[in-house]
């Protein structure tokens, strides 16, 4: 008691009592405040060097994504032709966001471009919404009991041309094999399912096929969870499963439950393929793509990418609303046992600093081809959006941004 009175007499206790948690800034829709680098505790000249570095390391691939597709490895895969739209991309573009405020930007952040596999992070977040809503009881549940018959929309199969009526399936059954019936939600989310089959004309084996073509149709099936394989056919399986579960188009779910609440623009679009239409509850719905491997996918600008990254930085909270549960994001950031630098798609983890040596081990990133990268660094309260940057240059960009921190940080922001 005497010690308490002494603190009060000295004026120490009131000062302690007046200390409050810093107010976290969330950008309003249509307006993201800019702050000077110095006010954020960063050296402005060093920060500009980081920006110049990002611009100097723009991807060498053609800005004509259709040409880049056919000249690249995707176009040379079996059944590798695109079935979704491809759009010419813009210049190297990016944002650096410190303590919630934009401190640097380059290129054209308002331009809407494809983001390739960054879309997978949006897809797994829609799964997270289903989990939070109780539509998925446990990520360890097998997926097949959640499924209803999926009716494909096939306008080309007219009544006069059904010579294959006895053999052509009238429904899509994603889990009609003994192997596929052992797949759980967690396996789909972590790309460890080894799902077997063909969806939207793309066989699982034709996506990033092994060098030995003799094994394509006869490969050994791995028990779900025992091996990791980055595979977009299986990602599209998850997208169709979630469409079946929500019974409404996933872009509608994403818009209502995530993008509108975080103040995203109205310019983003999430598409599927020309042949990925199904009939649910008497309505035509397009099953979206979890990337742009065969065209389509998520078309989005850098500001909206940053808003999503900022949502994951703030552990799923936006202002006073918990958009995605902390529990889900904790699982999303949990390393996959057979691929420790990968969580749920497409949360890339910096486990043992193997992804980015210059970054803290707690950092993670949403990554897609291009490269399209949303770097999230809770330890430094930092977001970096880098679009159309050479993938191997990202660590250098992170290093330059982190090196711009002043030794004595400002106490005000």
Protein backbone atom coordinates (compact mmCIF):
# COMPACT_ATOMS: atom_id res chain seq x y z
CA UNK A 1 0.00 0.00 0.00
CA UNK A 2 2.83 2.38 0.91
CA UNK A 3 4.46 1.57 -2.43
CA UNK A 4 1.20 2.31 -4.24
CA UNK A 5 0.84 5.66 -2.45
CA UNK A 6 4.44 6.48 -3.29
CA UNK A 7 3.77 5.82 -6.98
CA UNK A 8 0.73 8.08 -6.88
CA UNK A 9 2.65 10.81 -5.07
CA UNK A 10 5.43 10.63 -7.63
CA UNK A 11 2.94 10.87 -10.48
CA UNK A 12 4.02 7.52 -11.92
CA UNK A 13 0.75 5.62 -11.55
CA UNK A 14 -1.39 8.09 -13.51
CA UNK A 15 1.13 7.97 -16.36
CA UNK A 16 0.94 4.19 -16.43
CA UNK A 17 -2.82 4.26 -16.26
CA UNK A 18 -3.00 6.67 -19.17
CA UNK A 19 -1.05 4.39 -21.47
CA UNK A 20 -3.35 2.95 -24.10
CA UNK A 21 -2.98 0.49 -26.89
CA UNK A 22 -2.14 2.26 -30.16
CA UNK A 23 -5.14 2.77 -32.39
CA UNK A 24 -4.93 0.49 -35.40
CA UNK A 25 -5.66 2.24 -38.67
CA UNK A 26 -7.99 0.63 -41.21
CA UNK A 27 -8.39 2.31 -44.60
CA UNK A 28 -11.82 3.50 -45.65
CA UNK A 29 -13.35 2.23 -48.88
CA UNK A 30 -11.89 4.19 -51.79
CA UNK A 31 -9.24 5.89 -49.67
CA UNK A 32 -6.00 4.54 -48.25
CA UNK A 33 -3.97 7.17 -46.41
CA UNK A 34 -0.36 7.81 -47.37
CA UNK A 35 2.24 8.72 -44.76
CA UNK A 36 5.82 9.84 -45.17
CA UNK A 37 8.54 7.25 -44.74
CA UNK A 38 10.13 9.19 -41.90
CA UNK A 39 6.90 9.29 -39.94
CA UNK A 40 6.81 5.49 -40.25
CA UNK A 41 10.34 5.22 -38.94
CA UNK A 42 11.85 4.52 -42.35
CA UNK A 43 14.63 6.20 -44.29
CA UNK A 44 12.98 7.70 -47.37
CA UNK A 45 16.04 7.47 -49.63
CA UNK A 46 16.62 3.81 -48.74
CA UNK A 47 12.93 3.10 -49.27
CA UNK A 48 13.11 4.64 -52.73
CA UNK A 49 16.09 2.41 -53.46
CA UNK A 50 13.85 -0.54 -52.62
CA UNK A 51 11.21 0.74 -55.05
CA UNK A 52 13.80 1.22 -57.77
CA UNK A 53 15.04 -2.32 -57.12
CA UNK A 54 11.52 -3.73 -57.60
CA UNK A 55 11.08 -1.82 -60.85
CA UNK A 56 14.48 -2.95 -62.12
CA UNK A 57 13.55 -6.58 -61.48
CA UNK A 58 10.33 -6.70 -63.48
CA UNK A 59 9.53 -10.13 -64.86
CA UNK A 60 11.19 -10.85 -68.19
CA UNK A 61 8.12 -12.73 -69.42
CA UNK A 62 6.04 -11.09 -72.13
CA UNK A 63 3.35 -8.69 -70.91
CA UNK A 64 1.09 -10.44 -73.41
CA UNK A 65 -0.01 -13.24 -71.06
CA UNK A 66 -1.46 -15.31 -73.88
CA UNK A 67 1.90 -15.31 -75.63
CA UNK A 68 3.67 -15.97 -72.32
CA UNK A 69 1.29 -18.88 -71.71
CA UNK A 70 1.93 -20.65 -75.00
CA UNK A 71 5.67 -20.00 -74.88
CA UNK A 72 5.95 -21.19 -71.27
CA UNK A 73 5.72 -24.56 -69.57
CA UNK A 74 1.93 -24.39 -69.03
CA UNK A 75 1.24 -24.31 -72.75
CA UNK A 76 3.44 -27.37 -73.34
CA UNK A 77 1.63 -29.62 -70.86
CA UNK A 78 -0.78 -32.35 -72.06
CA UNK A 79 -4.22 -30.75 -72.44
CA UNK A 80 -2.46 -27.47 -71.62
CA UNK A 81 -4.61 -25.19 -73.78
CA UNK A 82 -6.36 -22.34 -71.89
CA UNK A 83 -10.09 -22.63 -71.21
CA UNK A 84 -10.41 -19.29 -69.42
CA UNK A 85 -9.61 -15.70 -70.41
CA UNK A 86 -6.08 -14.28 -70.38
CA UNK A 87 -5.41 -10.54 -70.16
CA UNK A 88 -2.36 -8.48 -71.11
CA UNK A 89 -0.68 -7.36 -67.90
CA UNK A 90 0.60 -4.00 -66.77
CA UNK A 91 4.04 -2.83 -65.60
CA UNK A 92 5.87 -3.81 -62.43
CA UNK A 93 3.61 -2.53 -59.67
CA UNK A 94 3.61 -2.52 -55.92
CA UNK A 95 2.82 -1.03 -52.53
CA UNK A 96 4.66 -0.81 -49.23
CA UNK A 97 2.39 -0.46 -46.21
CA UNK A 98 3.86 0.23 -42.76
CA UNK A 99 1.71 0.36 -39.63
CA UNK A 100 -1.32 0.36 -41.90
CA UNK A 101 -0.37 3.37 -44.03
CA UNK A 102 0.98 3.45 -47.58
CA UNK A 103 4.56 4.73 -47.49
CA UNK A 104 5.55 3.90 -51.08
CA UNK A 105 3.99 2.72 -54.33
CA UNK A 106 5.06 2.21 -57.93
CA UNK A 107 3.59 1.21 -61.27
CA UNK A 108 -0.19 1.30 -61.63
CA UNK A 109 -1.86 0.00 -58.42
CA UNK A 110 -5.34 0.67 -59.80
CA UNK A 111 -4.84 -1.60 -62.81
CA UNK A 112 -6.84 -4.83 -62.70
CA UNK A 113 -4.69 -7.81 -63.68
CA UNK A 114 -4.74 -11.54 -63.17
CA UNK A 115 -3.09 -12.59 -59.92
CA UNK A 116 -2.62 -16.28 -60.73
CA UNK A 117 -2.26 -18.47 -57.65
CA UNK A 118 -2.77 -15.68 -55.14
CA UNK A 119 -6.40 -16.61 -55.88
CA UNK A 120 -5.80 -19.78 -53.87
CA UNK A 121 -5.54 -17.72 -50.67
CA UNK A 122 -8.96 -16.25 -51.44
CA UNK A 123 -10.30 -19.75 -52.14
CA UNK A 124 -9.03 -21.19 -48.86
CA UNK A 125 -10.46 -18.15 -47.07
CA UNK A 126 -13.89 -18.96 -48.53
CA UNK A 127 -13.40 -22.43 -47.04
CA UNK A 128 -12.59 -20.66 -43.78
CA UNK A 129 -15.86 -18.78 -43.96
CA UNK A 130 -17.67 -22.11 -44.40
CA UNK A 131 -15.83 -23.49 -41.37
CA UNK A 132 -16.68 -20.43 -39.28
CA UNK A 133 -20.34 -20.70 -40.35
CA UNK A 134 -20.52 -24.36 -39.31
CA UNK A 135 -20.88 -25.65 -42.87
CA UNK A 136 -17.68 -27.62 -42.30
CA UNK A 137 -17.61 -29.30 -38.90
CA UNK A 138 -13.94 -30.29 -38.88
CA UNK A 139 -11.12 -29.95 -41.40
CA UNK A 140 -10.32 -33.59 -40.62
CA UNK A 141 -13.72 -34.75 -41.86
CA UNK A 142 -13.81 -36.72 -45.08
CA UNK A 143 -15.15 -34.53 -47.88
CA UNK A 144 -17.42 -36.99 -49.69
CA UNK A 145 -20.22 -37.04 -47.06
CA UNK A 146 -20.66 -33.28 -47.63
CA UNK A 147 -21.33 -33.76 -51.32
CA UNK A 148 -24.57 -33.70 -53.29
CA UNK A 149 -24.85 -34.69 -56.97
CA UNK A 150 -23.31 -32.02 -59.19
CA UNK A 151 -25.11 -31.50 -62.48
CA UNK A 152 -22.88 -30.17 -65.28
CA UNK A 153 -24.32 -27.69 -67.75
CA UNK A 154 -23.65 -29.14 -71.19
CA UNK A 155 -25.56 -27.18 -73.81
CA UNK A 156 -23.56 -28.82 -76.60
CA UNK A 157 -25.05 -32.23 -75.88
CA UNK A 158 -28.33 -31.82 -77.75
CA UNK A 159 -30.98 -34.51 -77.72
CA UNK A 160 -30.21 -35.37 -81.34
CA UNK A 161 -26.58 -36.05 -80.54
CA UNK A 162 -26.57 -38.41 -77.56
CA UNK A 163 -25.13 -41.51 -79.13
CA UNK A 164 -23.02 -41.92 -75.98
CA UNK A 165 -26.01 -41.66 -73.64
CA UNK A 166 -25.39 -45.06 -72.06
CA UNK A 167 -21.80 -44.27 -71.09
CA UNK A 168 -21.78 -40.51 -70.61
CA UNK A 169 -22.13 -39.54 -66.90
CA UNK A 170 -25.03 -37.22 -66.12
CA UNK A 171 -23.53 -36.05 -62.83
CA UNK A 172 -20.06 -35.13 -61.59
CA UNK A 173 -18.93 -37.38 -58.75
CA UNK A 174 -15.63 -36.08 -57.46
CA UNK A 175 -15.18 -38.83 -54.89
CA UNK A 176 -16.27 -41.96 -56.71
CA UNK A 177 -13.06 -43.96 -56.16
CA UNK A 178 -11.83 -45.74 -53.05
CA UNK A 179 -8.82 -43.44 -52.92
CA UNK A 180 -10.79 -40.20 -53.30
CA UNK A 181 -13.21 -41.20 -50.55
CA UNK A 182 -10.33 -41.10 -48.06
CA UNK A 183 -9.61 -37.40 -48.73
CA UNK A 184 -10.32 -34.90 -45.93
CA UNK A 185 -10.76 -31.12 -46.11
CA UNK A 186 -7.28 -30.63 -44.67
CA UNK A 187 -5.77 -32.61 -47.53
CA UNK A 188 -7.44 -30.47 -50.19
CA UNK A 189 -6.43 -27.27 -48.40
CA UNK A 190 -2.78 -28.32 -48.12
CA UNK A 191 -2.44 -29.90 -51.60
CA UNK A 192 -1.69 -33.28 -50.08
CA UNK A 193 -4.83 -35.09 -51.28
CA UNK A 194 -3.40 -36.82 -54.39
CA UNK A 195 -6.97 -36.66 -55.76
CA UNK A 196 -7.28 -38.75 -58.91
CA UNK A 197 -9.46 -37.88 -61.88
CA UNK A 198 -10.28 -35.32 -64.54
CA UNK A 199 -12.13 -32.04 -64.02
CA UNK A 200 -13.03 -29.47 -66.69
CA UNK A 201 -11.06 -31.51 -69.25
CA UNK A 202 -7.84 -31.36 -67.21
CA UNK A 203 -6.57 -34.72 -65.85
CA UNK A 204 -4.73 -34.51 -62.53
CA UNK A 205 -1.65 -36.15 -64.09
CA UNK A 206 -1.46 -33.60 -66.92
CA UNK A 207 -0.85 -30.70 -64.52
CA UNK A 208 2.93 -30.34 -64.09
CA UNK A 209 3.40 -33.95 -65.27
CA UNK A 210 6.35 -36.09 -64.25
CA UNK A 211 9.12 -36.55 -66.86
CA UNK A 212 8.29 -40.24 -67.40
CA UNK A 213 5.13 -40.28 -69.53
CA UNK A 214 4.79 -44.05 -69.05
CA UNK A 215 3.82 -43.38 -65.44
CA UNK A 216 1.16 -40.74 -66.12
CA UNK A 217 -1.78 -43.15 -66.16
CA UNK A 218 -0.38 -45.84 -63.88
CA UNK A 219 1.27 -43.86 -61.09
CA UNK A 220 1.11 -45.08 -57.53
CA UNK A 221 -1.54 -43.31 -55.42
CA UNK A 222 -0.19 -41.76 -52.24
CA UNK A 223 -2.24 -41.87 -49.07
CA UNK A 224 -3.79 -38.43 -48.48
CA UNK A 225 -1.56 -36.33 -46.26
CA UNK A 226 1.61 -38.31 -47.04
CA UNK A 227 2.88 -36.29 -50.01
CA UNK A 228 2.63 -32.73 -51.34
CA UNK A 229 2.00 -31.87 -54.99
CA UNK A 230 1.15 -28.41 -56.30
CA UNK A 231 -1.70 -29.21 -58.65
CA UNK A 232 -4.37 -26.89 -60.05
CA UNK A 233 -6.80 -29.64 -61.08
CA UNK A 234 -7.08 -30.54 -57.39
CA UNK A 235 -7.44 -26.87 -56.47
CA UNK A 236 -10.37 -26.68 -58.87
CA UNK A 237 -11.84 -29.72 -57.10
CA UNK A 238 -11.86 -27.68 -53.87
CA UNK A 239 -13.51 -24.77 -55.68
CA UNK A 240 -16.29 -27.03 -56.99
CA UNK A 241 -16.73 -28.68 -53.60
CA UNK A 242 -17.15 -25.27 -51.95
CA UNK A 243 -19.60 -24.14 -54.63
CA UNK A 244 -21.63 -27.27 -53.89
CA UNK A 245 -21.44 -26.51 -50.16
CA UNK A 246 -22.37 -22.80 -50.34
CA UNK A 247 -24.99 -23.33 -53.09
CA UNK A 248 -24.10 -19.90 -54.48
CA UNK A 249 -21.25 -18.62 -56.66
CA UNK A 250 -18.04 -18.21 -54.69
CA UNK A 251 -17.44 -14.65 -56.01
CA UNK A 252 -20.76 -13.70 -54.40
CA UNK A 253 -19.68 -15.25 -51.09
CA UNK A 254 -16.31 -13.52 -51.29
CA UNK A 255 -17.85 -10.14 -52.12
CA UNK A 256 -20.47 -10.17 -49.38
CA UNK A 257 -18.38 -11.64 -46.58
CA UNK A 258 -14.85 -10.37 -47.23
CA UNK A 259 -14.31 -7.86 -50.02
CA UNK A 260 -17.17 -5.45 -49.22
CA UNK A 261 -16.45 -5.41 -45.46
CA UNK A 262 -12.76 -4.59 -46.05
CA UNK A 263 -13.60 -1.79 -48.48
CA UNK A 264 -12.34 -3.41 -51.68
CA UNK A 265 -13.12 -1.75 -55.00
CA UNK A 266 -15.85 -2.91 -57.36
CA UNK A 267 -13.35 -3.72 -60.11
CA UNK A 268 -12.18 -7.22 -59.12
CA UNK A 269 -13.62 -10.28 -60.86
CA UNK A 270 -13.25 -14.02 -60.16
CA UNK A 271 -13.90 -16.28 -63.13
CA UNK A 272 -13.86 -19.94 -64.04
CA UNK A 273 -13.65 -21.68 -67.39
CA UNK A 274 -15.84 -21.78 -70.47
CA UNK A 275 -16.79 -25.37 -69.52
CA UNK A 276 -17.00 -25.07 -65.71
CA UNK A 277 -20.72 -24.33 -65.50
CA UNK A 278 -23.07 -26.39 -63.33
CA UNK A 279 -26.72 -26.31 -62.37
CA UNK A 280 -27.49 -25.84 -58.67
CA UNK A 281 -31.00 -25.25 -57.35
CA UNK A 282 -32.18 -24.61 -60.90
CA UNK A 283 -29.62 -21.87 -61.52
CA UNK A 284 -26.53 -21.76 -63.70
CA UNK A 285 -23.36 -21.17 -61.69
CA UNK A 286 -19.75 -21.07 -62.81
CA UNK A 287 -17.22 -22.91 -60.71
CA UNK A 288 -14.23 -20.59 -60.37
CA UNK A 289 -10.57 -21.36 -60.88
CA UNK A 290 -8.13 -21.26 -57.98
CA UNK A 291 -5.53 -19.74 -60.26
CA UNK A 292 -4.86 -18.85 -63.90
CA UNK A 293 -3.02 -22.02 -64.88
CA UNK A 294 -5.46 -22.47 -67.78
CA UNK A 295 -6.68 -18.87 -67.88
CA UNK A 296 -9.39 -17.26 -65.80
CA UNK A 297 -8.96 -16.91 -62.06
CA UNK A 298 -8.93 -13.72 -60.02
CA UNK A 299 -8.58 -10.34 -61.74
CA UNK A 300 -7.74 -7.70 -59.14
CA UNK A 301 -5.80 -4.48 -58.53
CA UNK A 302 -2.88 -4.00 -56.13
CA UNK A 303 -4.87 -1.95 -53.61
CA UNK A 304 -7.41 -4.76 -53.24
CA UNK A 305 -4.61 -7.31 -52.95
CA UNK A 306 -3.16 -5.18 -50.16
CA UNK A 307 -6.51 -4.99 -48.35
CA UNK A 308 -6.71 -8.77 -48.32
CA UNK A 309 -3.10 -9.04 -47.14
CA UNK A 310 -3.83 -6.46 -44.44
CA UNK A 311 -6.81 -8.53 -43.29
CA UNK A 312 -4.52 -11.53 -42.80
CA UNK A 313 -1.93 -9.30 -41.07
CA UNK A 314 -4.62 -8.21 -38.60
CA UNK A 315 -5.54 -11.85 -37.95
CA UNK A 316 -8.83 -11.71 -39.80
CA UNK A 317 -10.15 -8.61 -38.04
CA UNK A 318 -11.27 -5.43 -39.79
CA UNK A 319 -12.12 -2.54 -37.50
CA UNK A 320 -14.50 -4.01 -34.92
CA UNK A 321 -15.53 -7.04 -36.99
CA UNK A 322 -13.90 -10.47 -37.10
CA UNK A 323 -14.17 -11.31 -40.82
CA UNK A 324 -12.24 -14.60 -40.70
CA UNK A 325 -11.74 -16.33 -37.37
CA UNK A 326 -8.35 -16.24 -35.68
CA UNK A 327 -8.65 -20.00 -35.26
CA UNK A 328 -8.93 -20.53 -39.01
CA UNK A 329 -5.98 -18.28 -39.79
CA UNK A 330 -3.91 -20.05 -37.15
CA UNK A 331 -4.57 -23.32 -38.96
CA UNK A 332 -3.85 -21.67 -42.33
CA UNK A 333 -0.42 -20.63 -41.02
CA UNK A 334 0.38 -24.04 -39.54
CA UNK A 335 3.13 -25.79 -41.54
CA UNK A 336 2.18 -28.84 -43.58
CA UNK A 337 4.13 -31.80 -42.21
CA UNK A 338 5.37 -32.94 -45.62
CA UNK A 339 5.94 -29.35 -46.87
CA UNK A 340 6.81 -27.13 -43.88
CA UNK A 341 6.91 -23.90 -45.91
CA UNK A 342 3.26 -24.33 -46.96
CA UNK A 343 0.12 -23.93 -44.88
CA UNK A 344 -3.35 -23.82 -46.39
CA UNK A 345 -3.30 -22.75 -50.03
CA UNK A 346 -1.76 -20.27 -50.72
CA UNK A 347 -0.19 -19.30 -47.39
CA UNK A 348 3.54 -19.66 -47.96
CA UNK A 349 5.37 -19.77 -44.64
CA UNK A 350 8.87 -18.59 -43.81
CA UNK A 351 9.57 -21.67 -41.69
CA UNK A 352 13.25 -21.69 -40.70
CA UNK A 353 13.55 -18.61 -42.95
CA UNK A 354 13.74 -20.90 -45.98
CA UNK A 355 11.34 -18.84 -48.11
CA UNK A 356 12.87 -15.40 -47.48
CA UNK A 357 16.19 -15.41 -45.63
CA UNK A 358 15.97 -11.66 -44.97
CA UNK A 359 12.55 -11.85 -43.33
CA UNK A 360 11.48 -12.95 -39.84
CA UNK A 361 10.42 -16.58 -39.51
CA UNK A 362 6.93 -15.33 -38.56
CA UNK A 363 6.40 -13.69 -41.96
CA UNK A 364 4.27 -15.34 -44.64
CA UNK A 365 3.19 -14.58 -48.18
CA UNK A 366 0.39 -15.15 -50.67
CA UNK A 367 2.22 -16.06 -53.90
CA UNK A 368 1.21 -16.53 -57.52
CA UNK A 369 3.00 -16.76 -60.87
CA UNK A 370 4.06 -13.58 -62.52
CA UNK A 371 5.31 -13.16 -59.86
CA UNK A 372 2.40 -11.78 -57.84
CA UNK A 373 3.28 -11.61 -54.15
CA UNK A 374 1.59 -10.24 -51.04
CA UNK A 375 4.24 -10.30 -48.31
CA UNK A 376 2.83 -10.17 -44.77
CA UNK A 377 5.12 -9.39 -41.84
CA UNK A 378 3.35 -9.18 -38.44
CA UNK A 379 6.62 -8.66 -36.58
CA UNK A 380 7.33 -5.44 -38.49
CA UNK A 381 3.68 -4.48 -39.11
CA UNK A 382 4.48 -4.50 -42.80
CA UNK A 383 2.79 -5.39 -46.07
CA UNK A 384 4.58 -5.47 -49.43
CA UNK A 385 2.59 -6.06 -52.60
CA UNK A 386 4.87 -6.81 -55.55
CA UNK A 387 3.38 -7.55 -58.95
CA UNK A 388 5.25 -8.79 -61.99
CA UNK A 389 8.54 -9.06 -60.11
CA UNK A 390 11.08 -11.81 -60.73
CA UNK A 391 10.42 -14.36 -58.02
CA UNK A 392 14.05 -14.68 -56.98
CA UNK A 393 14.24 -10.90 -56.46
CA UNK A 394 11.61 -10.79 -53.72
CA UNK A 395 14.03 -11.56 -50.92
CA UNK A 396 16.21 -8.66 -52.05
CA UNK A 397 13.22 -6.32 -52.01
CA UNK A 398 12.29 -7.42 -48.49
CA UNK A 399 15.88 -6.96 -47.36
CA UNK A 400 15.99 -3.41 -48.75
CA UNK A 401 12.68 -2.44 -47.16
CA UNK A 402 13.67 -3.83 -43.76
CA UNK A 403 17.08 -2.16 -44.04
CA UNK A 404 15.35 1.20 -44.44
CA UNK A 405 14.18 1.12 -40.83
CA UNK A 406 15.71 3.97 -38.84
CA UNK A 407 17.67 2.99 -35.77
CA UNK A 408 15.50 5.23 -33.60
CA UNK A 409 11.89 4.81 -34.60
CA UNK A 410 9.42 7.64 -34.19
CA UNK A 411 7.18 7.23 -31.15
CA UNK A 412 4.28 8.77 -33.04
CA UNK A 413 2.62 7.69 -36.25
